[in-house]
PDB file of N, CA and C in Angstrom:
ATOM      1  N   MET A   1       0.265  11.734 -10.514  1.00  0.00           N
ATOM      2  CA  MET A   1       1.371  11.817 -10.929  1.00  0.00           C
ATOM      3  C   MET A   1       2.671  11.236 -10.413  1.00  0.00           C
ATOM      4  N   GLU A   2       3.733  10.724 -11.071  1.00  0.00           N
ATOM      5  CA  GLU A   2       4.296  10.208 -10.309  1.00  0.00           C
ATOM      6  C   GLU A   2       5.266  10.647  -9.459  1.00  0.00           C
ATOM      7  N   VAL A   3       5.529  10.161  -8.339  1.00  0.00           N
ATOM      8  CA  VAL A   3       6.528  10.822  -7.051  1.00  0.00           C
ATOM      9  C   VAL A   3       8.098   9.478  -7.283  1.00  0.00           C
ATOM     10  N   LYS A   4       9.054   9.932  -7.647  1.00  0.00           N
ATOM     11  CA  LYS A   4      10.391   9.541  -7.322  1.00  0.00           C
ATOM     12  C   LYS A   4      11.020   9.605  -6.174  1.00  0.00           C
ATOM     13  N   ALA A   5      11.801   8.340  -5.964  1.00  0.00           N
ATOM     14  CA  ALA A   5      12.759   8.556  -4.874  1.00  0.00           C
ATOM     15  C   ALA A   5      13.726   7.284  -4.894  1.00  0.00           C
ATOM     16  N   THR A   6      15.706   7.810  -5.146  1.00  0.00           N
ATOM     17  CA  THR A   6      16.483   6.694  -5.164  1.00  0.00           C
ATOM     18  C   THR A   6      17.346   6.813  -4.101  1.00  0.00           C
ATOM     19  N   ALA A   7      18.236   5.641  -3.953  1.00  0.00           N
ATOM     20  CA  ALA A   7      19.253   5.217  -3.040  1.00  0.00           C
ATOM     21  C   ALA A   7      20.178   4.561  -3.536  1.00  0.00           C
ATOM     22  N   ARG A   8      21.443   5.393  -3.795  1.00  0.00           N
ATOM     23  CA  ARG A   8      22.190   5.208  -4.353  1.00  0.00           C
ATOM     24  C   ARG A   8      23.672   4.813  -3.552  1.00  0.00           C
ATOM     25  N   TYR A   9      24.255   4.032  -3.935  1.00  0.00           N
ATOM     26  CA  TYR A   9      25.479   3.146  -3.648  1.00  0.00           C
ATOM     27  C   TYR A   9      25.604   1.923  -2.511  1.00  0.00           C
ATOM     28  N   ILE A  10      24.020   1.962  -2.161  1.00  0.00           N
ATOM     29  CA  ILE A  10      24.019   1.031  -1.192  1.00  0.00           C
ATOM     30  C   ILE A  10      24.764  -0.409  -1.031  1.00  0.00           C
ATOM     31  N   HIS A  11      25.608  -0.815   0.129  1.00  0.00           N
ATOM     32  CA  HIS A  11      26.635  -1.820   0.058  1.00  0.00           C
ATOM     33  C   HIS A  11      25.743  -2.751   0.084  1.00  0.00           C
ATOM     34  N   MET A  12      25.308  -3.594  -0.970  1.00  0.00           N
ATOM     35  CA  MET A  12      24.818  -5.062  -1.231  1.00  0.00           C
ATOM     36  C   MET A  12      24.598  -4.957  -2.928  1.00  0.00           C
ATOM     37  N   SER A  13      24.957  -6.648  -3.243  1.00  0.00           N
ATOM     38  CA  SER A  13      24.477  -6.629  -4.475  1.00  0.00           C
ATOM     39  C   SER A  13      23.233  -6.670  -5.193  1.00  0.00           C
ATOM     40  N   PRO A  14      23.174  -5.971  -6.395  1.00  0.00           N
ATOM     41  CA  PRO A  14      22.083  -5.866  -6.857  1.00  0.00           C
ATOM     42  C   PRO A  14      20.865  -7.232  -6.977  1.00  0.00           C
ATOM     43  N   ARG A  15      22.342  -8.172  -6.988  1.00  0.00           N
ATOM     44  CA  ARG A  15      21.284  -9.481  -6.528  1.00  0.00           C
ATOM     45  C   ARG A  15      19.985  -9.660  -5.630  1.00  0.00           C
ATOM     46  N   LYS A  16      20.990  -9.520  -4.759  1.00  0.00           N
ATOM     47  CA  LYS A  16      20.316 -10.027  -3.101  1.00  0.00           C
ATOM     48  C   LYS A  16      18.754  -8.630  -3.534  1.00  0.00           C
ATOM     49  N   VAL A  17      19.236  -7.983  -3.285  1.00  0.00           N
ATOM     50  CA  VAL A  17      18.066  -6.419  -3.632  1.00  0.00           C
ATOM     51  C   VAL A  17      17.204  -6.649  -4.213  1.00  0.00           C
ATOM     52  N   ARG A  18      17.183  -7.797  -5.715  1.00  0.00           N
ATOM     53  CA  ARG A  18      16.071  -7.924  -6.685  1.00  0.00           C
ATOM     54  C   ARG A  18      15.471  -8.830  -5.840  1.00  0.00           C
ATOM     55  N   LEU A  19      15.225  -9.971  -5.218  1.00  0.00           N
ATOM     56  CA  LEU A  19      15.057 -10.678  -4.484  1.00  0.00           C
ATOM     57  C   LEU A  19      13.760 -10.039  -3.665  1.00  0.00           C
ATOM     58  N   VAL A  20      14.440  -9.056  -3.028  1.00  0.00           N
ATOM     59  CA  VAL A  20      13.553  -8.132  -1.770  1.00  0.00           C
ATOM     60  C   VAL A  20      12.152  -7.102  -2.900  1.00  0.00           C
ATOM     61  N   ILE A  21      13.097  -6.472  -3.723  1.00  0.00           N
ATOM     62  CA  ILE A  21      12.182  -5.711  -4.401  1.00  0.00           C
ATOM     63  C   ILE A  21      10.882  -6.371  -5.537  1.00  0.00           C
ATOM     64  N   ASP A  22      11.182  -7.653  -6.129  1.00  0.00           N
ATOM     65  CA  ASP A  22      10.178  -8.133  -6.847  1.00  0.00           C
ATOM     66  C   ASP A  22       9.129  -8.260  -6.015  1.00  0.00           C
ATOM     67  N   VAL A  23       9.328  -8.616  -4.971  1.00  0.00           N
ATOM     68  CA  VAL A  23       7.747  -8.866  -3.798  1.00  0.00           C
ATOM     69  C   VAL A  23       7.103  -7.969  -3.875  1.00  0.00           C
ATOM     70  N   ILE A  24       7.659  -6.397  -3.172  1.00  0.00           N
ATOM     71  CA  ILE A  24       6.694  -5.353  -3.217  1.00  0.00           C
ATOM     72  C   ILE A  24       6.703  -4.452  -4.604  1.00  0.00           C
ATOM     73  N   ARG A  25       6.445  -5.186  -5.507  1.00  0.00           N
ATOM     74  CA  ARG A  25       6.618  -4.308  -6.809  1.00  0.00           C
ATOM     75  C   ARG A  25       5.017  -4.258  -7.428  1.00  0.00           C
ATOM     76  N   GLY A  26       4.291  -3.252  -7.511  1.00  0.00           N
ATOM     77  CA  GLY A  26       2.930  -3.457  -7.985  1.00  0.00           C
ATOM     78  C   GLY A  26       1.944  -3.536  -6.652  1.00  0.00           C
ATOM     79  N   MET A  27       2.582  -3.290  -5.106  1.00  0.00           N
ATOM     80  CA  MET A  27       1.644  -3.552  -3.977  1.00  0.00           C
ATOM     81  C   MET A  27       1.062  -2.191  -3.963  1.00  0.00           C
ATOM     82  N   ALA A  28       0.691  -1.734  -2.792  1.00  0.00           N
ATOM     83  CA  ALA A  28      -0.178  -1.000  -2.215  1.00  0.00           C
ATOM     84  C   ALA A  28       0.659  -0.609  -1.480  1.00  0.00           C
ATOM     85  N   ILE A  29       0.997   0.998  -0.475  1.00  0.00           N
ATOM     86  CA  ILE A  29       2.111   1.101  -0.013  1.00  0.00           C
ATOM     87  C   ILE A  29       1.671   0.777   1.502  1.00  0.00           C
ATOM     88  N   ALA A  30       0.884   0.680   2.109  1.00  0.00           N
ATOM     89  CA  ALA A  30       0.653   0.088   3.505  1.00  0.00           C
ATOM     90  C   ALA A  30       0.951  -1.311   3.639  1.00  0.00           C
ATOM     91  N   GLN A  31       0.248  -2.116   2.375  1.00  0.00           N
ATOM     92  CA  GLN A  31       0.729  -3.376   1.996  1.00  0.00           C
ATOM     93  C   GLN A  31       2.348  -3.834   1.634  1.00  0.00           C
ATOM     94  N   ALA A  32       2.831  -3.041   1.216  1.00  0.00           N
ATOM     95  CA  ALA A  32       4.409  -3.355   1.234  1.00  0.00           C
ATOM     96  C   ALA A  32       5.125  -2.765   2.064  1.00  0.00           C
ATOM     97  N   ARG A  33       4.842  -2.017   3.356  1.00  0.00           N
ATOM     98  CA  ARG A  33       5.238  -1.959   4.355  1.00  0.00           C
ATOM     99  C   ARG A  33       5.416  -2.566   5.518  1.00  0.00           C
ATOM    100  N   SER A  34       4.539  -3.652   5.399  1.00  0.00           N
ATOM    101  CA  SER A  34       4.448  -4.597   6.412  1.00  0.00           C
ATOM    102  C   SER A  34       4.750  -5.965   5.528  1.00  0.00           C
ATOM    103  N   GLN A  35       4.539  -6.291   4.267  1.00  0.00           N
ATOM    104  CA  GLN A  35       5.564  -6.830   3.673  1.00  0.00           C
ATOM    105  C   GLN A  35       7.008  -6.799   4.205  1.00  0.00           C
ATOM    106  N   LEU A  36       7.752  -5.874   4.362  1.00  0.00           N
ATOM    107  CA  LEU A  36       9.505  -5.696   4.493  1.00  0.00           C
ATOM    108  C   LEU A  36       9.303  -5.215   5.930  1.00  0.00           C
ATOM    109  N   SER A  37       8.804  -4.832   6.552  1.00  0.00           N
ATOM    110  CA  SER A  37       8.972  -5.026   8.245  1.00  0.00           C
ATOM    111  C   SER A  37       8.925  -6.560   8.756  1.00  0.00           C
ATOM    112  N   VAL A  38       8.359  -7.421   7.705  1.00  0.00           N
ATOM    113  CA  VAL A  38       8.403  -8.969   8.737  1.00  0.00           C
ATOM    114  C   VAL A  38       9.508  -9.790   7.689  1.00  0.00           C
ATOM    115  N   MET A  39       9.866  -9.024   6.431  1.00  0.00           N
ATOM    116  CA  MET A  39      11.032  -9.699   5.712  1.00  0.00           C
ATOM    117  C   MET A  39      12.343  -9.904   7.044  1.00  0.00           C
ATOM    118  N   LYS A  40      12.902 -10.904   6.198  1.00  0.00           N
ATOM    119  CA  LYS A  40      14.404 -11.770   6.997  1.00  0.00           C
ATOM    120  C   LYS A  40      15.471 -10.727   5.906  1.00  0.00           C
ATOM    121  N   LYS A  41      15.230 -10.931   4.969  1.00  0.00           N
ATOM    122  CA  LYS A  41      16.309 -10.599   4.057  1.00  0.00           C
ATOM    123  C   LYS A  41      16.813  -9.194   4.721  1.00  0.00           C
ATOM    124  N   ALA A  42      18.635  -8.862   4.789  1.00  0.00           N
ATOM    125  CA  ALA A  42      18.827  -8.423   4.822  1.00  0.00           C
ATOM    126  C   ALA A  42      18.817  -6.383   3.999  1.00  0.00           C
ATOM    127  N   ALA A  43      18.158  -6.972   2.504  1.00  0.00           N
ATOM    128  CA  ALA A  43      17.521  -6.119   1.909  1.00  0.00           C
ATOM    129  C   ALA A  43      16.678  -5.525   1.964  1.00  0.00           C
ATOM    130  N   ALA A  44      15.621  -5.615   2.931  1.00  0.00           N
ATOM    131  CA  ALA A  44      14.715  -5.243   3.259  1.00  0.00           C
ATOM    132  C   ALA A  44      14.647  -3.376   3.953  1.00  0.00           C
ATOM    133  N   GLU A  45      15.935  -3.353   4.777  1.00  0.00           N
ATOM    134  CA  GLU A  45      16.149  -2.298   5.522  1.00  0.00           C
ATOM    135  C   GLU A  45      16.340  -1.276   4.521  1.00  0.00           C
ATOM    136  N   PRO A  46      16.853  -1.428   3.795  1.00  0.00           N
ATOM    137  CA  PRO A  46      17.126   0.029   2.969  1.00  0.00           C
ATOM    138  C   PRO A  46      16.187   0.041   1.611  1.00  0.00           C
ATOM    139  N   VAL A  47      15.620  -0.602   1.343  1.00  0.00           N
ATOM    140  CA  VAL A  47      14.234  -0.713   0.984  1.00  0.00           C
ATOM    141  C   VAL A  47      13.147  -0.031   1.608  1.00  0.00           C
ATOM    142  N   LEU A  48      12.566  -0.404   2.677  1.00  0.00           N
ATOM    143  CA  LEU A  48      12.153   0.106   3.324  1.00  0.00           C
ATOM    144  C   LEU A  48      12.024   1.804   3.912  1.00  0.00           C
ATOM    145  N   LYS A  49      13.148   1.527   3.730  1.00  0.00           N
ATOM    146  CA  LYS A  49      14.146   3.248   4.268  1.00  0.00           C
ATOM    147  C   LYS A  49      14.059   3.940   2.373  1.00  0.00           C
ATOM    148  N   LEU A  50      13.701   3.615   1.662  1.00  0.00           N
ATOM    149  CA  LEU A  50      13.606   4.056   0.290  1.00  0.00           C
ATOM    150  C   LEU A  50      12.152   4.173   0.305  1.00  0.00           C
ATOM    151  N   LEU A  51      11.444   3.508   0.565  1.00  0.00           N
ATOM    152  CA  LEU A  51      10.053   3.431   0.851  1.00  0.00           C
ATOM    153  C   LEU A  51       9.453   4.645   1.255  1.00  0.00           C
ATOM    154  N   GLU A  52       9.477   4.818   2.346  1.00  0.00           N
ATOM    155  CA  GLU A  52       9.382   5.725   3.436  1.00  0.00           C
ATOM    156  C   GLU A  52       9.915   7.106   2.752  1.00  0.00           C
ATOM    157  N   SER A  53      11.187   7.216   1.839  1.00  0.00           N
ATOM    158  CA  SER A  53      11.568   8.448   2.061  1.00  0.00           C
ATOM    159  C   SER A  53      10.961   9.101   0.517  1.00  0.00           C
ATOM    160  N   ALA A  54      10.300   8.103  -0.187  1.00  0.00           N
ATOM    161  CA  ALA A  54       9.009   8.044  -1.418  1.00  0.00           C
ATOM    162  C   ALA A  54       7.877   8.326  -0.927  1.00  0.00           C
ATOM    163  N   VAL A  55       7.237   7.897   0.011  1.00  0.00           N
ATOM    164  CA  VAL A  55       6.199   8.943   0.692  1.00  0.00           C
ATOM    165  C   VAL A  55       6.035   9.901   0.941  1.00  0.00           C
ATOM    166  N   ALA A  56       7.399  10.287   1.899  1.00  0.00           N
ATOM    167  CA  ALA A  56       7.575  11.658   2.473  1.00  0.00           C
ATOM    168  C   ALA A  56       7.160  12.686   1.016  1.00  0.00           C
ATOM    169  N   ASN A  57       8.263  12.347   0.141  1.00  0.00           N
ATOM    170  CA  ASN A  57       8.164  13.150  -1.110  1.00  0.00           C
ATOM    171  C   ASN A  57       7.054  13.365  -1.662  1.00  0.00           C
ATOM    172  N   ALA A  58       5.904  12.212  -1.418  1.00  0.00           N
ATOM    173  CA  ALA A  58       4.612  12.115  -2.283  1.00  0.00           C
ATOM    174  C   ALA A  58       3.925  13.114  -1.223  1.00  0.00           C
ATOM    175  N   THR A  59       3.498  13.101   0.119  1.00  0.00           N
ATOM    176  CA  THR A  59       2.874  13.764   0.899  1.00  0.00           C
ATOM    177  C   THR A  59       3.283  15.096   1.272  1.00  0.00           C
ATOM    178  N   HIS A  60       5.037  15.375   1.380  1.00  0.00           N
ATOM    179  CA  HIS A  60       5.329  16.821   1.702  1.00  0.00           C
ATOM    180  C   HIS A  60       5.698  17.718   0.381  1.00  0.00           C
ATOM    181  N   ASN A  61       5.945  17.256  -0.735  1.00  0.00           N
ATOM    182  CA  ASN A  61       6.286  18.300  -1.521  1.00  0.00           C
ATOM    183  C   ASN A  61       5.286  18.108  -2.634  1.00  0.00           C
ATOM    184  N   PHE A  62       4.003  16.944  -3.066  1.00  0.00           N
ATOM    185  CA  PHE A  62       3.128  17.415  -3.433  1.00  0.00           C
ATOM    186  C   PHE A  62       1.401  17.159  -3.238  1.00  0.00           C
ATOM    187  N   HIS A  63       1.635  16.914  -2.036  1.00  0.00           N
ATOM    188  CA  HIS A  63      -0.171  16.656  -0.930  1.00  0.00           C
ATOM    189  C   HIS A  63      -0.598  15.997  -1.732  1.00  0.00           C
ATOM    190  N   LEU A  64       0.073  14.593  -1.687  1.00  0.00           N
ATOM    191  CA  LEU A  64      -0.784  13.672  -2.678  1.00  0.00           C
ATOM    192  C   LEU A  64      -1.269  12.581  -1.393  1.00  0.00           C
ATOM    193  N   ASP A  65      -1.712  11.578  -1.238  1.00  0.00           N
ATOM    194  CA  ASP A  65      -2.525  10.920   0.175  1.00  0.00           C
ATOM    195  C   ASP A  65      -1.803   9.728  -0.034  1.00  0.00           C
ATOM    196  N   ALA A  66      -1.013   9.295   1.121  1.00  0.00           N
ATOM    197  CA  ALA A  66      -0.146   7.882   1.101  1.00  0.00           C
ATOM    198  C   ALA A  66      -0.978   6.547   0.664  1.00  0.00           C
ATOM    199  N   GLY A  67      -2.410   6.423   1.383  1.00  0.00           N
ATOM    200  CA  GLY A  67      -3.328   5.395   1.166  1.00  0.00           C
ATOM    201  C   GLY A  67      -3.605   5.101   0.003  1.00  0.00           C
ATOM    202  N   GLN A  68      -3.510   6.040  -0.760  1.00  0.00           N
ATOM    203  CA  GLN A  68      -4.039   5.927  -2.372  1.00  0.00           C
ATOM    204  C   GLN A  68      -2.882   5.491  -3.194  1.00  0.00           C
ATOM    205  N   MET A  69      -1.483   5.537  -2.884  1.00  0.00           N
ATOM    206  CA  MET A  69      -0.098   4.953  -3.439  1.00  0.00           C
ATOM    207  C   MET A  69      -0.069   3.406  -3.388  1.00  0.00           C
ATOM    208  N   TYR A  70       1.008   3.682  -4.711  1.00  0.00           N
ATOM    209  CA  TYR A  70       1.116   1.810  -4.702  1.00  0.00           C
ATOM    210  C   TYR A  70       2.295   2.105  -5.307  1.00  0.00           C
ATOM    211  N   VAL A  71       3.073   0.523  -5.300  1.00  0.00           N
ATOM    212  CA  VAL A  71       5.032   1.099  -6.154  1.00  0.00           C
ATOM    213  C   VAL A  71       4.177   0.515  -7.503  1.00  0.00           C
ATOM    214  N   LYS A  72       4.451   1.974  -8.288  1.00  0.00           N
ATOM    215  CA  LYS A  72       4.369   1.736  -9.547  1.00  0.00           C
ATOM    216  C   LYS A  72       5.876   0.958 -10.470  1.00  0.00           C
ATOM    217  N   SER A  73       6.922   1.389 -10.528  1.00  0.00           N
ATOM    218  CA  SER A  73       7.858   0.367 -10.615  1.00  0.00           C
ATOM    219  C   SER A  73       9.598   0.658  -9.099  1.00  0.00           C
ATOM    220  N   ILE A  74       9.500  -0.339  -9.468  1.00  0.00           N
ATOM    221  CA  ILE A  74      11.252  -0.393  -8.479  1.00  0.00           C
ATOM    222  C   ILE A  74      12.475  -1.104  -9.304  1.00  0.00           C
ATOM    223  N   THR A  75      13.270  -0.505  -9.591  1.00  0.00           N
ATOM    224  CA  THR A  75      14.809  -1.540  -9.580  1.00  0.00           C
ATOM    225  C   THR A  75      15.997  -1.182  -8.894  1.00  0.00           C
ATOM    226  N   ALA A  76      16.278  -2.180  -9.034  1.00  0.00           N
ATOM    227  CA  ALA A  76      18.169  -2.814  -8.620  1.00  0.00           C
ATOM    228  C   ALA A  76      18.930  -2.363  -9.531  1.00  0.00           C
ATOM    229  N   ASP A  77      19.742  -1.437  -9.852  1.00  0.00           N
ATOM    230  CA  ASP A  77      21.259  -1.281 -10.803  1.00  0.00           C
ATOM    231  C   ASP A  77      22.112  -1.640  -9.905  1.00  0.00           C
ATOM    232  N   GLY A  78      23.473  -1.518 -10.696  1.00  0.00           N
ATOM    233  CA  GLY A  78      24.682  -1.975  -9.982  1.00  0.00           C
ATOM    234  C   GLY A  78      25.239  -0.785 -10.192  1.00  0.00           C
ATOM    235  N   GLY A  79      25.731  -0.471  -8.825  1.00  0.00           N
ATOM    236  CA  GLY A  79      26.698   0.888  -8.863  1.00  0.00           C
ATOM    237  C   GLY A  79      27.817   0.631  -8.895  1.00  0.00           C
ATOM    238  N   PRO A  80      29.195   0.994  -8.707  1.00  0.00           N
ATOM    239  CA  PRO A  80      30.205   0.666  -9.039  1.00  0.00           C
ATOM    240  C   PRO A  80      30.894  -0.459  -7.998  1.00  0.00           C
ATOM    241  N   VAL A  81      31.730  -1.182  -8.472  1.00  0.00           N
ATOM    242  CA  VAL A  81      32.068  -2.177  -8.047  1.00  0.00           C
ATOM    243  C   VAL A  81      33.511  -2.111  -7.271  1.00  0.00           C
ATOM    244  N   LEU A  82      33.412  -2.605  -6.076  1.00  0.00           N
ATOM    245  CA  LEU A  82      34.965  -2.079  -5.049  1.00  0.00           C
ATOM    246  C   LEU A  82      35.841  -3.258  -5.115  1.00  0.00           C
ATOM    247  N   GLY A  83      37.113  -3.189  -5.952  1.00  0.00           N
ATOM    248  CA  GLY A  83      38.005  -3.578  -5.944  1.00  0.00           C
ATOM    249  C   GLY A  83      38.647  -4.332  -5.108  1.00  0.00           C
ATOM    250  N   ARG A  84      39.142  -5.520  -4.469  1.00  0.00           N
ATOM    251  CA  ARG A  84      39.683  -5.863  -3.258  1.00  0.00           C
ATOM    252  C   ARG A  84      40.497  -7.227  -4.009  1.00  0.00           C
ATOM    253  N   TRP A  85      41.705  -7.303  -2.634  1.00  0.00           N
ATOM    254  CA  TRP A  85      42.051  -8.690  -3.080  1.00  0.00           C
ATOM    255  C   TRP A  85      42.412  -9.494  -2.015  1.00  0.00           C
ATOM    256  N   ARG A  86      42.775 -10.970  -2.209  1.00  0.00           N
ATOM    257  CA  ARG A  86      42.355 -12.278  -0.991  1.00  0.00           C
ATOM    258  C   ARG A  86      43.720 -12.819  -1.471  1.00  0.00           C
ATOM    259  N   ALA A  87      44.438 -13.110  -0.619  1.00  0.00           N
ATOM    260  CA  ALA A  87      45.485 -13.923  -0.959  1.00  0.00           C
ATOM    261  C   ALA A  87      44.908 -15.502  -0.924  1.00  0.00           C
ATOM    262  N   ARG A  88      45.615 -16.352  -2.085  1.00  0.00           N
ATOM    263  CA  ARG A  88      45.352 -17.464  -2.626  1.00  0.00           C
ATOM    264  C   ARG A  88      46.780 -18.540  -2.176  1.00  0.00           C
ATOM    265  N   ALA A  89      46.548 -19.517  -2.562  1.00  0.00           N
ATOM    266  CA  ALA A  89      48.019 -20.348  -2.514  1.00  0.00           C
ATOM    267  C   ALA A  89      49.120 -20.240  -3.426  1.00  0.00           C
ATOM    268  N   PHE A  90      50.195 -20.570  -3.365  1.00  0.00           N
ATOM    269  CA  PHE A  90      51.110 -20.405  -4.150  1.00  0.00           C
ATOM    270  C   PHE A  90      51.549 -18.634  -4.237  1.00  0.00           C
ATOM    271  N   GLY A  91      51.590 -17.803  -3.750  1.00  0.00           N
ATOM    272  CA  GLY A  91      51.331 -16.317  -3.691  1.00  0.00           C
ATOM    273  C   GLY A  91      50.510 -15.801  -4.695  1.00  0.00           C
ATOM    274  N   ARG A  92      49.516 -16.243  -5.290  1.00  0.00           N
ATOM    275  CA  ARG A  92      48.435 -15.780  -5.857  1.00  0.00           C
ATOM    276  C   ARG A  92      47.920 -14.709  -5.336  1.00  0.00           C
ATOM    277  N   ALA A  93      46.689 -13.910  -6.091  1.00  0.00           N
ATOM    278  CA  ALA A  93      45.931 -13.290  -5.188  1.00  0.00           C
ATOM    279  C   ALA A  93      44.969 -13.486  -6.085  1.00  0.00           C
ATOM    280  N   ALA A  94      43.589 -13.414  -5.127  1.00  0.00           N
ATOM    281  CA  ALA A  94      41.981 -13.899  -5.999  1.00  0.00           C
ATOM    282  C   ALA A  94      41.413 -12.730  -5.835  1.00  0.00           C
ATOM    283  N   PRO A  95      40.342 -11.907  -6.561  1.00  0.00           N
ATOM    284  CA  PRO A  95      39.776 -10.447  -6.640  1.00  0.00           C
ATOM    285  C   PRO A  95      38.546 -10.917  -5.763  1.00  0.00           C
ATOM    286  N   ILE A  96      37.829 -10.059  -4.802  1.00  0.00           N
ATOM    287  CA  ILE A  96      36.704 -10.233  -4.120  1.00  0.00           C
ATOM    288  C   ILE A  96      36.428  -8.248  -4.660  1.00  0.00           C
ATOM    289  N   ARG A  97      34.832  -8.753  -5.229  1.00  0.00           N
ATOM    290  CA  ARG A  97      34.561  -8.236  -6.308  1.00  0.00           C
ATOM    291  C   ARG A  97      32.982  -7.463  -4.627  1.00  0.00           C
ATOM    292  N   LYS A  98      33.287  -6.186  -4.593  1.00  0.00           N
ATOM    293  CA  LYS A  98      32.231  -5.256  -3.218  1.00  0.00           C
ATOM    294  C   LYS A  98      31.288  -4.705  -4.313  1.00  0.00           C
ATOM    295  N   ARG A  99      30.161  -5.830  -4.450  1.00  0.00           N
ATOM    296  CA  ARG A  99      29.118  -4.911  -5.173  1.00  0.00           C
ATOM    297  C   ARG A  99      28.714  -4.104  -4.738  1.00  0.00           C
ATOM    298  N   THR A 100      27.944  -2.650  -4.939  1.00  0.00           N
ATOM    299  CA  THR A 100      26.946  -1.610  -4.729  1.00  0.00           C
ATOM    300  C   THR A 100      25.950  -1.761  -5.492  1.00  0.00           C
ATOM    301  N   THR A 101      24.930  -0.664  -5.090  1.00  0.00           N
ATOM    302  CA  THR A 101      23.087  -0.978  -5.763  1.00  0.00           C
ATOM    303  C   THR A 101      22.582   0.777  -5.996  1.00  0.00           C
ATOM    304  N   HIS A 102      22.349   0.373  -6.824  1.00  0.00           N
ATOM    305  CA  HIS A 102      21.294   1.710  -7.262  1.00  0.00           C
ATOM    306  C   HIS A 102      20.178   1.332  -7.200  1.00  0.00           C
ATOM    307  N   ILE A 103      18.801   1.619  -6.066  1.00  0.00           N
ATOM    308  CA  ILE A 103      17.701   1.610  -6.105  1.00  0.00           C
ATOM    309  C   ILE A 103      16.648   2.821  -6.294  1.00  0.00           C
ATOM    310  N   SER A 104      15.630   2.581  -7.586  1.00  0.00           N
ATOM    311  CA  SER A 104      15.071   3.854  -7.513  1.00  0.00           C
ATOM    312  C   SER A 104      13.918   2.909  -7.427  1.00  0.00           C
ATOM    313  N   ILE A 105      12.512   4.037  -7.503  1.00  0.00           N
ATOM    314  CA  ILE A 105      11.560   3.481  -6.936  1.00  0.00           C
ATOM    315  C   ILE A 105      10.007   5.153  -7.153  1.00  0.00           C
ATOM    316  N   THR A 106       9.656   4.419  -8.121  1.00  0.00           N
ATOM    317  CA  THR A 106       8.244   5.332  -8.417  1.00  0.00           C
ATOM    318  C   THR A 106       6.693   4.780  -8.072  1.00  0.00           C
ATOM    319  N   LEU A 107       6.361   5.867  -7.703  1.00  0.00           N
ATOM    320  CA  LEU A 107       5.083   5.682  -6.700  1.00  0.00           C
ATOM    321  C   LEU A 107       4.108   6.469  -7.454  1.00  0.00           C
ATOM    322  N   GLU A 108       2.990   5.903  -7.676  1.00  0.00           N
ATOM    323  CA  GLU A 108       1.234   6.476  -8.327  1.00  0.00           C
ATOM    324  C   GLU A 108       0.359   6.273  -7.606  1.00  0.00           C
ATOM    325  N   PRO A 109      -0.124   7.591  -7.581  1.00  0.00           N
ATOM    326  CA  PRO A 109      -1.588   6.973  -7.020  1.00  0.00           C
ATOM    327  C   PRO A 109      -2.640   6.510  -8.071  1.00  0.00           C
ATOM    328  N   ARG A 110      -3.229   5.645  -6.800  1.00  0.00           N
ATOM    329  CA  ARG A 110      -4.572   4.604  -7.818  1.00  0.00           C
ATOM    330  C   ARG A 110      -5.190   5.378  -8.442  1.00  0.00           C
ATOM    331  N   GLU A 111      -5.829   4.807  -9.469  1.00  0.00           N
ATOM    332  CA  GLU A 111      -7.116   5.844 -10.628  1.00  0.00           C
ATOM    333  C   GLU A 111      -8.417   5.285  -9.465  1.00  0.00           C
ATOM    334  N   GLU A 112      -8.971   5.451  -9.655  1.00  0.00           N
ATOM    335  CA  GLU A 112     -10.558   4.579  -9.039  1.00  0.00           C
ATOM    336  C   GLU A 112     -11.233   4.250 -10.226  1.00  0.00           C
ATOM    337  N   LYS A 113     -11.791   3.357  -9.749  1.00  0.00           N
ATOM    338  CA  LYS A 113     -12.753   2.503 -10.971  1.00  0.00           C
ATOM    339  C   LYS A 113     -13.729   3.516 -11.920  1.00  0.00           C
ATOM    340  N   SER A 114     -14.408   4.203 -10.913  1.00  0.00           N
ATOM    341  CA  SER A 114     -15.595   4.781 -11.427  1.00  0.00           C
ATOM    342  C   SER A 114     -14.834   6.063 -12.670  1.00  0.00           C
ATOM    343  N   ARG A 115     -13.263   6.068 -12.073  1.00  0.00           N
ATOM    344  CA  ARG A 115     -13.129   7.288 -13.196  1.00  0.00           C
ATOM    345  C   ARG A 115     -12.793   6.803 -14.687  1.00  0.00           C
ATOM    346  N   LYS A 116     -12.257   5.427 -14.573  1.00  0.00           N
ATOM    347  CA  LYS A 116     -11.503   4.281 -15.896  1.00  0.00           C
ATOM    348  C   LYS A 116     -13.517   4.318 -16.772  1.00  0.00           C
ATOM    349  N   SER A 117     -13.827   3.755 -15.867  1.00  0.00           N
ATOM    350  CA  SER A 117     -15.634   3.309 -16.478  1.00  0.00           C
ATOM    351  C   SER A 117     -15.591   4.644 -16.834  1.00  0.00           C
ATOM    352  N   SER A 118     -16.172   5.889 -16.446  1.00  0.00           N
ATOM    353  CA  SER A 118     -17.100   7.493 -16.955  1.00  0.00           C
ATOM    354  C   SER A 118     -15.689   7.641 -18.229  1.00  0.00           C
ATOM    355  N   ALA A 119     -14.421   7.178 -19.034  1.00  0.00           N
ATOM    356  CA  ALA A 119     -13.592   7.939 -19.421  1.00  0.00           C
ATOM    357  C   ALA A 119     -13.912   7.068 -20.907  1.00  0.00           C
ATOM    358  N   SER A 120     -14.663   5.716 -20.788  1.00  0.00           N
ATOM    359  CA  SER A 120     -14.102   4.771 -21.698  1.00  0.00           C
ATOM    360  C   SER A 120     -15.505   4.780 -22.957  1.00  0.00           C
TER     361      SER A 120
END
């Protein structure tokens, strides 16, 4: 059973968030938590918060064991861009694009090897 969680309108560019989520894709929950907790990137904080939210959804809503779960998929898509302006030379204005990100994560329990081999 897949468990999903989303974090929307994170005030950080998707490019910066993708550097963090590429590291934890496919990892077990415990390993992903430890990796995010020691990461120096600022994007690690909202991603860790989202991971904890997805684990809470799995345990509370679906009564799944967090120890068996892994990160099946995680994506960072662009949200709305706030348009701001900065003064430049000769009375001109240059745009400042303040980007936002929508992060979505899907967790799934790992299948046991004995189940897979017996099913084949």
